[in-house]
Amino acid sequence: MKNNQKSLDKTIKGITSGWVLVSKDNKRLLAHAKTLKQLIRNVELKGNPEGSISIVPPANFSSYVG
């Protein structure tokens, strides 16, 4: 699990917030968007590649509601 998390951290490096779709092995960023709705639209336009959707929390949680 640790190696998988390290791989994910490396894959999304530089993305500070929003939603991402990464490959099953966490080595490739397949799509990124500010909102989940936008991400789903982007994924559909790319032919629905298989992967995992994750949220990238902002560095500053002061505005987080959840």
Protein backbone atom coordinates (compact mmCIF):
# COMPACT_ATOMS: atom_id res chain seq x y z
CA MET A 1 0.00 0.00 0.00
CA LYS A 2 2.82 2.43 0.80
CA ASN A 3 4.37 2.10 -2.67
CA ASN A 4 0.96 2.64 -4.24
CA GLN A 5 0.49 5.86 -2.22
CA LYS A 6 3.98 7.07 -3.14
CA SER A 7 3.17 6.43 -6.79
CA LEU A 8 -0.09 8.40 -6.47
CA ASP A 9 1.66 11.28 -4.71
CA LYS A 10 4.20 11.45 -7.53
CA THR A 11 1.48 11.26 -10.20
CA ILE A 12 -0.55 14.17 -8.82
CA LYS A 13 2.43 16.30 -7.81
CA GLY A 14 1.74 19.92 -8.67
CA ILE A 15 -2.05 19.59 -8.50
CA THR A 16 -3.16 21.65 -5.53
CA SER A 17 -6.90 20.91 -5.50
CA GLY A 18 -9.73 19.45 -7.52
CA TRP A 19 -10.57 16.00 -8.81
CA VAL A 20 -8.34 13.54 -10.65
CA LEU A 21 -8.64 10.29 -12.54
CA VAL A 22 -5.49 8.19 -12.33
CA SER A 23 -4.63 4.88 -13.94
CA LYS A 24 -5.19 1.69 -11.98
CA ASP A 25 -1.48 1.50 -11.15
CA ASN A 26 -1.46 5.19 -10.03
CA LYS A 27 1.34 5.98 -12.49
CA ARG A 28 -0.55 8.14 -15.01
CA LEU A 29 -2.84 11.12 -14.60
CA LEU A 30 -5.71 10.52 -17.01
CA ALA A 31 -7.82 13.61 -16.27
CA HIS A 32 -8.04 16.55 -13.87
CA ALA A 33 -10.76 19.13 -13.18
CA LYS A 34 -11.87 21.62 -10.58
CA THR A 35 -15.23 19.91 -9.99
CA LEU A 36 -16.40 16.31 -10.12
CA LYS A 37 -18.96 17.21 -12.79
CA GLN A 38 -16.21 18.65 -15.01
CA LEU A 39 -14.01 15.61 -14.40
CA ILE A 40 -16.78 13.23 -15.45
CA ARG A 41 -17.34 15.27 -18.61
CA ASN A 42 -13.58 15.17 -19.38
CA VAL A 43 -13.45 11.43 -18.78
CA GLU A 44 -16.41 10.83 -21.10
CA LEU A 45 -14.69 12.88 -23.82
CA LYS A 46 -11.59 10.68 -23.45
CA GLY A 47 -13.61 7.52 -24.00
CA ASN A 48 -14.08 6.55 -20.34
CA PRO A 49 -10.59 5.21 -19.56
CA GLU A 50 -10.44 2.91 -16.54
CA GLY A 51 -8.92 4.31 -13.39
CA SER A 52 -9.62 5.67 -9.94
CA ILE A 53 -11.28 8.99 -9.18
CA SER A 54 -9.89 10.87 -6.19
CA ILE A 55 -10.30 14.30 -4.69
CA VAL A 56 -7.18 16.37 -4.09
CA PRO A 57 -7.87 18.40 -0.95
CA PRO A 58 -6.64 21.99 -0.90
CA ALA A 59 -3.55 22.69 1.20
CA ASN A 60 -5.62 25.12 3.28
CA PHE A 61 -8.64 23.39 4.80
CA SER A 62 -10.08 26.61 6.28
CA SER A 63 -12.68 26.80 3.50
CA TYR A 64 -13.48 23.08 3.46
CA VAL A 65 -17.08 22.14 4.18
CA GLY A 66 -17.86 18.47 4.36
